C-alpha atoms as a PDB file:
ATOM      1  CA  MET A   1       9.970   6.113 -10.180  1.00  0.00           C
ATOM      2  CA  LYS A   2       9.758   2.526 -11.589  1.00  0.00           C
ATOM      3  CA  ALA A   3      10.397  -0.565  -9.473  1.00  0.00           C
ATOM      4  CA  MET A   4      11.796  -4.218 -10.597  1.00  0.00           C
ATOM      5  CA  VAL A   5      10.739  -7.074  -8.259  1.00  0.00           C
ATOM      6  CA  LEU A   6      13.595  -9.927  -8.667  1.00  0.00           C
ATOM      7  CA  ALA A   7      11.286 -13.149  -9.098  1.00  0.00           C
ATOM      8  CA  ALA A   8      13.031 -15.105 -11.047  1.00  0.00           C
ATOM      9  CA  GLY A   9      15.027 -17.295  -8.681  1.00  0.00           C
ATOM     10  CA  GLN A  10      14.241 -21.058  -8.532  1.00  0.00           C
ATOM     11  CA  GLY A  11      13.736 -21.180  -4.415  1.00  0.00           C
ATOM     12  CA  THR A  12      16.088 -24.171  -4.367  1.00  0.00           C
ATOM     13  CA  ARG A  13      16.141 -24.084  -0.485  1.00  0.00           C
ATOM     14  CA  LEU A  14      11.824 -23.980  -0.454  1.00  0.00           C
ATOM     15  CA  HIS A  15      11.984 -27.856  -2.176  1.00  0.00           C
ATOM     16  CA  PRO A  16       9.831 -29.554  -2.218  1.00  0.00           C
ATOM     17  CA  ILE A  17       7.329 -26.348  -2.486  1.00  0.00           C
ATOM     18  CA  THR A  18       8.798 -25.045  -5.363  1.00  0.00           C
ATOM     19  CA  ASP A  19       9.010 -28.345  -7.022  1.00  0.00           C
ATOM     20  CA  SER A  20       5.539 -27.185  -8.795  1.00  0.00           C
ATOM     21  CA  ARG A  21       5.703 -23.456  -8.063  1.00  0.00           C
ATOM     22  CA  PRO A  22       7.785 -20.408  -8.397  1.00  0.00           C
ATOM     23  CA  LYS A  23       9.179 -19.143  -5.087  1.00  0.00           C
ATOM     24  CA  ALA A  24       7.073 -15.536  -5.351  1.00  0.00           C
ATOM     25  CA  LEU A  25       3.702 -17.828  -5.207  1.00  0.00           C
ATOM     26  CA  VAL A  26       4.821 -19.538  -2.142  1.00  0.00           C
ATOM     27  CA  PRO A  27       1.729 -18.358   0.498  1.00  0.00           C
ATOM     28  CA  LEU A  28       2.830 -16.188   3.353  1.00  0.00           C
ATOM     29  CA  ALA A  29       0.007 -15.832   6.130  1.00  0.00           C
ATOM     30  CA  GLY A  30      -2.829 -16.025   3.107  1.00  0.00           C
ATOM     31  CA  ARG A  31      -0.860 -13.912   0.458  1.00  0.00           C
ATOM     32  CA  PRO A  32       1.256 -15.041  -2.450  1.00  0.00           C
ATOM     33  CA  MET A  33       4.919 -13.968  -0.984  1.00  0.00           C
ATOM     34  CA  ILE A  34       5.632 -11.313  -3.948  1.00  0.00           C
ATOM     35  CA  GLU A  35       2.269  -9.323  -3.071  1.00  0.00           C
ATOM     36  CA  TYR A  36       3.738  -8.212   0.068  1.00  0.00           C
ATOM     37  CA  ALA A  37       6.187  -6.564  -2.110  1.00  0.00           C
ATOM     38  CA  LEU A  38       4.113  -5.255  -4.507  1.00  0.00           C
ATOM     39  CA  LEU A  39       1.874  -3.624  -2.182  1.00  0.00           C
ATOM     40  CA  TRP A  40       4.905  -2.023  -0.199  1.00  0.00           C
ATOM     41  CA  LEU A  41       5.836  -0.349  -3.658  1.00  0.00           C
ATOM     42  CA  ARG A  42       1.705   0.516  -4.257  1.00  0.00           C
ATOM     43  CA  HIS A  43       1.645   2.422  -0.791  1.00  0.00           C
ATOM     44  CA  TYR A  44       4.599   4.894  -1.549  1.00  0.00           C
ATOM     45  CA  GLY A  45       2.671   5.679  -5.354  1.00  0.00           C
ATOM     46  CA  ILE A  46       5.026   3.145  -7.234  1.00  0.00           C
ATOM     47  CA  GLY A  47       3.036   1.668  -9.976  1.00  0.00           C
ATOM     48  CA  GLU A  48       5.229   0.870 -12.601  1.00  0.00           C
ATOM     49  CA  ILE A  49       6.618  -2.113 -11.919  1.00  0.00           C
ATOM     50  CA  ILE A  50       8.526  -4.828 -13.957  1.00  0.00           C
ATOM     51  CA  ILE A  51       8.913  -8.187 -12.522  1.00  0.00           C
ATOM     52  CA  ASN A  52      11.690 -10.970 -13.863  1.00  0.00           C
ATOM     53  CA  LEU A  53      10.389 -14.243 -14.515  1.00  0.00           C
ATOM     54  CA  HIS A  54      12.209 -18.098 -15.008  1.00  0.00           C
ATOM     55  CA  HIS A  55      11.387 -20.849 -12.380  1.00  0.00           C
ATOM     56  CA  PHE A  56       7.755 -21.199 -13.355  1.00  0.00           C
ATOM     57  CA  GLY A  57       7.199 -17.760 -14.657  1.00  0.00           C
ATOM     58  CA  GLU A  58       3.784 -18.351 -16.079  1.00  0.00           C
ATOM     59  CA  GLN A  59       2.129 -19.047 -13.101  1.00  0.00           C
ATOM     60  CA  ILE A  60       3.018 -15.702 -11.780  1.00  0.00           C
ATOM     61  CA  GLU A  61       2.052 -13.995 -15.031  1.00  0.00           C
ATOM     62  CA  ASP A  62      -1.239 -15.823 -15.008  1.00  0.00           C
ATOM     63  CA  ARG A  63      -1.582 -14.957 -11.089  1.00  0.00           C
ATOM     64  CA  LEU A  64      -0.799 -11.141 -11.447  1.00  0.00           C
ATOM     65  CA  GLY A  65      -1.895 -10.355 -15.001  1.00  0.00           C
ATOM     66  CA  ASP A  66      -1.214  -6.503 -15.993  1.00  0.00           C
ATOM     67  CA  GLY A  67      -1.489  -5.382 -12.110  1.00  0.00           C
ATOM     68  CA  GLN A  68      -5.069  -3.763 -12.521  1.00  0.00           C
ATOM     69  CA  GLN A  69      -6.463  -6.120  -9.406  1.00  0.00           C
ATOM     70  CA  LEU A  70      -3.679  -4.618  -7.371  1.00  0.00           C
ATOM     71  CA  GLY A  71      -4.128  -1.033  -9.083  1.00  0.00           C
ATOM     72  CA  LEU A  72      -0.330  -1.179 -10.456  1.00  0.00           C
ATOM     73  CA  ASN A  73       0.835  -1.490 -13.926  1.00  0.00           C
ATOM     74  CA  ILE A  74       2.989  -4.596 -14.310  1.00  0.00           C
ATOM     75  CA  MET A  75       5.351  -5.822 -17.279  1.00  0.00           C
ATOM     76  CA  TYR A  76       7.389  -9.136 -17.418  1.00  0.00           C
ATOM     77  CA  SER A  77      11.175  -9.611 -18.193  1.00  0.00           C
ATOM     78  CA  LYS A  78      11.601 -13.294 -19.128  1.00  0.00           C
ATOM     79  CA  GLU A  79      14.679 -15.048 -18.845  1.00  0.00           C
ATOM     80  CA  THR A  80      15.231 -17.952 -20.810  1.00  0.00           C
ATOM     81  CA  GLU A  81      18.375 -18.729 -18.217  1.00  0.00           C
ATOM     82  CA  LEU A  82      18.392 -17.133 -15.119  1.00  0.00           C
ATOM     83  CA  LEU A  83      20.756 -13.816 -15.222  1.00  0.00           C
ATOM     84  CA  ASP A  84      21.342 -12.891 -11.957  1.00  0.00           C
ATOM     85  CA  THR A  85      20.730  -9.631 -10.378  1.00  0.00           C
ATOM     86  CA  GLY A  86      23.452  -7.861 -12.580  1.00  0.00           C
ATOM     87  CA  GLY A  87      21.782  -9.594 -15.808  1.00  0.00           C
ATOM     88  CA  GLY A  88      18.380  -9.305 -14.924  1.00  0.00           C
ATOM     89  CA  LEU A  89      18.524  -5.356 -14.201  1.00  0.00           C
ATOM     90  CA  LEU A  90      20.845  -4.876 -17.672  1.00  0.00           C
ATOM     91  CA  LYS A  91      17.661  -6.935 -19.423  1.00  0.00           C
ATOM     92  CA  ALA A  92      15.166  -4.447 -18.159  1.00  0.00           C
ATOM     93  CA  LYS A  93      17.415  -1.517 -18.978  1.00  0.00           C
ATOM     94  CA  ALA A  94      15.077  -0.090 -21.277  1.00  0.00           C
ATOM     95  CA  PHE A  95      12.220  -0.311 -18.556  1.00  0.00           C
ATOM     96  CA  LEU A  96      14.379   1.477 -15.962  1.00  0.00           C
ATOM     97  CA  GLN A  97      16.866   3.366 -17.598  1.00  0.00           C
ATOM     98  CA  ASP A  98      14.585   7.144 -17.308  1.00  0.00           C
ATOM     99  CA  GLY A  99      15.454   8.220 -13.846  1.00  0.00           C
ATOM    100  CA  SER A 100      15.881   6.647 -10.135  1.00  0.00           C
ATOM    101  CA  PHE A 101      14.506   2.910  -9.487  1.00  0.00           C
ATOM    102  CA  ILE A 102      13.408   0.641  -6.787  1.00  0.00           C
ATOM    103  CA  VAL A 103      14.874  -2.682  -6.824  1.00  0.00           C
ATOM    104  CA  ILE A 104      13.492  -5.654  -4.134  1.00  0.00           C
ATOM    105  CA  ASN A 105      13.785  -8.967  -3.701  1.00  0.00           C
ATOM    106  CA  THR A 106      11.108 -11.517  -3.742  1.00  0.00           C
ATOM    107  CA  ASP A 107      12.072 -13.043  -0.652  1.00  0.00           C
ATOM    108  CA  ALA A 108      12.452  -9.953   1.556  1.00  0.00           C
ATOM    109  CA  LEU A 109       9.955  -9.098   3.959  1.00  0.00           C
ATOM    110  CA  ILE A 110      10.550  -6.065   5.696  1.00  0.00           C
ATOM    111  CA  ASP A 111       8.588  -2.878   7.252  1.00  0.00           C
ATOM    112  CA  LEU A 112      10.810   0.164   5.456  1.00  0.00           C
ATOM    113  CA  ASN A 113       9.819   3.382   5.318  1.00  0.00           C
ATOM    114  CA  LEU A 114      10.369   3.909   1.350  1.00  0.00           C
ATOM    115  CA  ALA A 115      10.011   7.432   1.547  1.00  0.00           C
ATOM    116  CA  GLU A 116      12.879   7.985   3.784  1.00  0.00           C
ATOM    117  CA  VAL A 117      15.158   5.866   2.019  1.00  0.00           C
ATOM    118  CA  ILE A 118      14.401   8.126  -0.995  1.00  0.00           C
ATOM    119  CA  ALA A 119      15.066  11.358   0.908  1.00  0.00           C
ATOM    120  CA  PHE A 120      18.344   9.573   2.016  1.00  0.00           C
ATOM    121  CA  HIS A 121      19.247   8.986  -0.855  1.00  0.00           C
ATOM    122  CA  LYS A 122      18.922  12.313  -2.777  1.00  0.00           C
ATOM    123  CA  SER A 123      20.457  14.023   0.389  1.00  0.00           C
ATOM    124  CA  LYS A 124      23.975  12.101  -0.507  1.00  0.00           C
ATOM    125  CA  ASN A 125      23.831  12.255  -4.565  1.00  0.00           C
ATOM    126  CA  ALA A 126      24.481   8.667  -4.158  1.00  0.00           C
ATOM    127  CA  ALA A 127      24.374   6.492  -7.787  1.00  0.00           C
ATOM    128  CA  ALA A 128      23.275   3.466  -5.549  1.00  0.00           C
ATOM    129  CA  THR A 129      21.761   3.407  -2.466  1.00  0.00           C
ATOM    130  CA  LEU A 130      21.413  -0.120  -0.373  1.00  0.00           C
ATOM    131  CA  VAL A 131      19.059  -0.754   2.559  1.00  0.00           C
ATOM    132  CA  LEU A 132      21.531  -2.445   5.231  1.00  0.00           C
ATOM    133  CA  ARG A 133      20.875  -3.818   8.463  1.00  0.00           C
ATOM    134  CA  PRO A 134      23.093  -5.241  11.457  1.00  0.00           C
ATOM    135  CA  ASP A 135      23.670  -8.821  11.858  1.00  0.00           C
ATOM    136  CA  GLU A 136      25.749 -11.147  13.524  1.00  0.00           C
ATOM    137  CA  ASN A 137      26.196 -13.339  10.608  1.00  0.00           C
ATOM    138  CA  ALA A 138      26.556 -10.354   8.290  1.00  0.00           C
ATOM    139  CA  GLU A 139      30.489 -11.785   7.134  1.00  0.00           C
ATOM    140  CA  GLN A 140      29.113 -15.185   6.536  1.00  0.00           C
ATOM    141  CA  TYR A 141      26.806 -13.795   3.809  1.00  0.00           C
ATOM    142  CA  GLY A 142      28.885 -10.855   2.536  1.00  0.00           C
ATOM    143  CA  SER A 143      29.102  -7.834   4.658  1.00  0.00           C
ATOM    144  CA  MET A 144      30.030  -4.194   3.616  1.00  0.00           C
ATOM    145  CA  ASP A 145      31.011  -1.337   5.626  1.00  0.00           C
ATOM    146  CA  ILE A 146      29.641   2.183   6.246  1.00  0.00           C
ATOM    147  CA  ASP A 147      31.317   5.236   7.685  1.00  0.00           C
ATOM    148  CA  GLU A 148      29.574   7.862   9.717  1.00  0.00           C
ATOM    149  CA  HIS A 149      28.287   9.531   6.629  1.00  0.00           C
ATOM    150  CA  GLY A 150      26.355   6.446   5.518  1.00  0.00           C
ATOM    151  CA  ARG A 151      28.849   5.982   2.522  1.00  0.00           C
ATOM    152  CA  ILE A 152      29.994   2.698   2.076  1.00  0.00           C
ATOM    153  CA  CYS A 153      33.680   2.217   2.142  1.00  0.00           C
ATOM    154  CA  ARG A 154      33.604  -1.294   1.717  1.00  0.00           C
ATOM    155  CA  PHE A 155      32.356  -3.714  -0.605  1.00  0.00           C
ATOM    156  CA  LEU A 156      32.536  -7.460   0.030  1.00  0.00           C
ATOM    157  CA  GLN A 157      36.617  -7.480  -0.531  1.00  0.00           C
ATOM    158  CA  THR A 158      36.666  -4.066  -2.479  1.00  0.00           C
ATOM    159  CA  ARG A 159      37.539  -0.633  -0.508  1.00  0.00           C
ATOM    160  CA  ALA A 160      36.633   2.810  -2.066  1.00  0.00           C
ATOM    161  CA  PRO A 161      38.927   5.298  -2.854  1.00  0.00           C
ATOM    162  CA  ILE A 162      38.337   7.975   0.041  1.00  0.00           C
ATOM    163  CA  ARG A 163      39.153   7.954   3.667  1.00  0.00           C
ATOM    164  CA  PRO A 164      36.406   6.743   5.716  1.00  0.00           C
ATOM    165  CA  ALA A 165      34.793   9.655   7.855  1.00  0.00           C
ATOM    166  CA  GLY A 166      34.666   8.727  11.706  1.00  0.00           C
ATOM    167  CA  SER A 167      33.744   5.102  12.578  1.00  0.00           C
ATOM    168  CA  ILE A 168      32.863   2.130  10.731  1.00  0.00           C
ATOM    169  CA  ARG A 169      29.607   0.049  10.726  1.00  0.00           C
ATOM    170  CA  THR A 170      29.451  -3.481   9.367  1.00  0.00           C
ATOM    171  CA  LEU A 171      26.344  -4.399   7.889  1.00  0.00           C
ATOM    172  CA  MET A 172      24.766  -7.050   5.612  1.00  0.00           C
ATOM    173  CA  PHE A 173      22.229  -6.371   2.671  1.00  0.00           C
ATOM    174  CA  SER A 174      18.546  -6.515   3.004  1.00  0.00           C
ATOM    175  CA  GLY A 175      17.383  -6.940  -0.455  1.00  0.00           C
ATOM    176  CA  VAL A 176      16.282  -3.514  -1.202  1.00  0.00           C
ATOM    177  CA  GLN A 177      18.076  -1.017  -3.090  1.00  0.00           C
ATOM    178  CA  LEU A 178      17.541   2.409  -5.046  1.00  0.00           C
ATOM    179  CA  LEU A 179      19.262   2.897  -8.037  1.00  0.00           C
ATOM    180  CA  GLU A 180      20.070   5.613 -10.747  1.00  0.00           C
ATOM    181  CA  PRO A 181      20.353   4.913 -14.523  1.00  0.00           C
ATOM    182  CA  ILE A 182      24.393   5.575 -14.188  1.00  0.00           C
ATOM    183  CA  VAL A 183      24.696   1.921 -12.810  1.00  0.00           C
ATOM    184  CA  PHE A 184      24.328   0.345 -16.243  1.00  0.00           C
ATOM    185  CA  ASP A 185      27.250   2.139 -17.407  1.00  0.00           C
ATOM    186  CA  TYR A 186      29.206  -0.038 -15.361  1.00  0.00           C
ATOM    187  CA  MET A 187      27.484  -3.446 -16.867  1.00  0.00           C
ATOM    188  CA  GLY A 188      28.322  -3.192 -20.657  1.00  0.00           C
ATOM    189  CA  ALA A 189      26.241  -3.472 -23.624  1.00  0.00           C
ATOM    190  CA  ALA A 190      22.563  -5.028 -23.025  1.00  0.00           C
ATOM    191  CA  GLN A 191      22.733  -6.618 -26.538  1.00  0.00           C
ATOM    192  CA  ALA A 192      23.541 -10.099 -25.563  1.00  0.00           C
ATOM    193  CA  ALA A 193      22.304 -11.284 -22.367  1.00  0.00           C
ATOM    194  CA  ARG A 194      24.781 -12.966 -19.503  1.00  0.00           C
ATOM    195  CA  LYS A 195      24.690 -13.659 -16.132  1.00  0.00           C
ATOM    196  CA  PHE A 196      26.377 -11.794 -13.874  1.00  0.00           C
ATOM    197  CA  SER A 197      26.370 -10.335 -10.202  1.00  0.00           C
ATOM    198  CA  THR A 198      25.803  -6.409  -9.475  1.00  0.00           C
ATOM    199  CA  THR A 199      27.168  -7.031  -5.609  1.00  0.00           C
ATOM    200  CA  ARG A 200      30.267  -9.440  -7.255  1.00  0.00           C
ATOM    201  CA  GLU A 201      30.738  -7.464 -10.482  1.00  0.00           C
ATOM    202  CA  THR A 202      28.607  -3.725 -10.975  1.00  0.00           C
ATOM    203  CA  TYR A 203      29.234  -2.303  -7.220  1.00  0.00           C
ATOM    204  CA  PRO A 204      33.058  -3.017  -6.660  1.00  0.00           C
ATOM    205  CA  LYS A 205      33.354  -1.299 -10.165  1.00  0.00           C
ATOM    206  CA  MET A 206      31.292   1.674  -9.236  1.00  0.00           C
ATOM    207  CA  LEU A 207      33.071   1.946  -6.148  1.00  0.00           C
ATOM    208  CA  SER A 208      36.608   1.588  -7.349  1.00  0.00           C
ATOM    209  CA  ALA A 209      35.613   4.324  -9.768  1.00  0.00           C
ATOM    210  CA  GLY A 210      34.518   6.685  -6.828  1.00  0.00           C
ATOM    211  CA  GLU A 211      30.601   6.210  -7.353  1.00  0.00           C
ATOM    212  CA  THR A 212      28.863   7.316  -4.211  1.00  0.00           C
ATOM    213  CA  LEU A 213      27.411   4.025  -2.924  1.00  0.00           C
ATOM    214  CA  ALA A 214      25.358   5.033   0.305  1.00  0.00           C
ATOM    215  CA  GLY A 215      24.390   2.476   3.067  1.00  0.00           C
ATOM    216  CA  TYR A 216      21.043   3.289   4.666  1.00  0.00           C
ATOM    217  CA  CYS A 217      21.098   1.402   8.079  1.00  0.00           C
ATOM    218  CA  PHE A 218      17.751  -0.152   8.697  1.00  0.00           C
ATOM    219  CA  LYS A 219      16.830  -1.676  12.423  1.00  0.00           C
ATOM    220  CA  GLY A 220      13.254  -2.429  11.887  1.00  0.00           C
ATOM    221  CA  PHE A 221      11.711  -5.775  10.919  1.00  0.00           C
ATOM    222  CA  TRP A 222      12.991  -7.612   7.969  1.00  0.00           C
ATOM    223  CA  GLN A 223      12.685 -11.186   7.587  1.00  0.00           C
ATOM    224  CA  ASP A 224      14.310 -13.624   4.546  1.00  0.00           C
ATOM    225  CA  LEU A 225      11.863 -15.598   3.730  1.00  0.00           C
ATOM    226  CA  GLY A 226      14.081 -18.212   1.705  1.00  0.00           C
ATOM    227  CA  THR A 227      13.479 -21.416   3.917  1.00  0.00           C
ATOM    228  CA  ILE A 228      10.213 -23.059   5.103  1.00  0.00           C
ATOM    229  CA  GLU A 229      11.486 -22.103   8.688  1.00  0.00           C
ATOM    230  CA  ARG A 230      12.025 -18.387   8.104  1.00  0.00           C
ATOM    231  CA  ILE A 231       8.790 -18.398   6.274  1.00  0.00           C
ATOM    232  CA  LYS A 232       7.342 -19.878   9.455  1.00  0.00           C
ATOM    233  CA  GLN A 233       9.348 -17.487  11.479  1.00  0.00           C
ATOM    234  CA  ALA A 234       7.810 -14.617   9.683  1.00  0.00           C
ATOM    235  CA  GLU A 235       4.160 -16.273   9.664  1.00  0.00           C
ATOM    236  CA  GLU A 236       4.321 -16.349  13.743  1.00  0.00           C
ATOM    237  CA  SER A 237       5.881 -12.845  14.344  1.00  0.00           C
ATOM    238  CA  LEU A 238       2.803 -11.563  12.227  1.00  0.00           C
ATOM    239  CA  ALA A 239       0.597 -13.243  13.787  1.00  0.00           C
ATOM    240  CA  SER A 240       1.547 -12.790  17.403  1.00  0.00           C
ATOM    241  CA  GLY A 241       1.731  -8.863  16.807  1.00  0.00           C
ATOM    242  CA  HIS A 242       5.687  -8.600  17.005  1.00  0.00           C
ATOM    243  CA  ALA A 243       5.771  -7.259  13.560  1.00  0.00           C
ATOM    244  CA  ARG A 244       3.502  -5.002  11.612  1.00  0.00           C
ATOM    245  CA  LEU A 245       3.611  -4.342   8.211  1.00  0.00           C
ATOM    246  CA  HIS A 246       2.295  -0.646   8.087  1.00  0.00           C
ATOM    247  CA  TYR A 247       1.453  -0.651   3.903  1.00  0.00           C
ATOM    248  CA  LEU A 248      -1.009  -3.590   4.286  1.00  0.00           C
END
């Protein structure tokens, strides 16, 4: 299985730190932020990884190289302009299209058992499995509903053409997902790079078409690292032992 780490963002919420470096290299408890995602993937035997680059992308490439120091094989997808999640994935299609693949945001720090997510994904025969979490602010950031079988029945404003089974839970995306190559069928041609979002364009199309989008409900440690305050919160959680990352 291969993976993509999304690292092209400009990190505007982390100014002034990101005035001179990419968000992926902002330190967190003595490591560059991106290393946590890479070490998590390595822990589960995923060594073929592509990273998309834009804002100070050369610094990421200089730091990580080909990945051999971490026991990985890293490639890069360079975006001359930001392509958002969908455009970034589509640009990396040639690398990812051979089978199931993982996608993780650089700024998602999570203590997640990936083996369980993969097993869940296979059991649902899903085209895409999104790792979701309960959050009181879910509606503010964009929520989705899953039914008792873990099937996404509402994605933002789009509802699936099926009757939900049992009770419904409203959850929020964690920044981790497991995808099948069929997602590229809903993205159009890859010849010309264009900016688009999987959450606003691709997944609603898939849901409307009856594709199975699954939601894996995760209640363990997760921290968004998008602001200086949230990085400090993560560092405090790790230092106090409140949070432990099993893959370190």
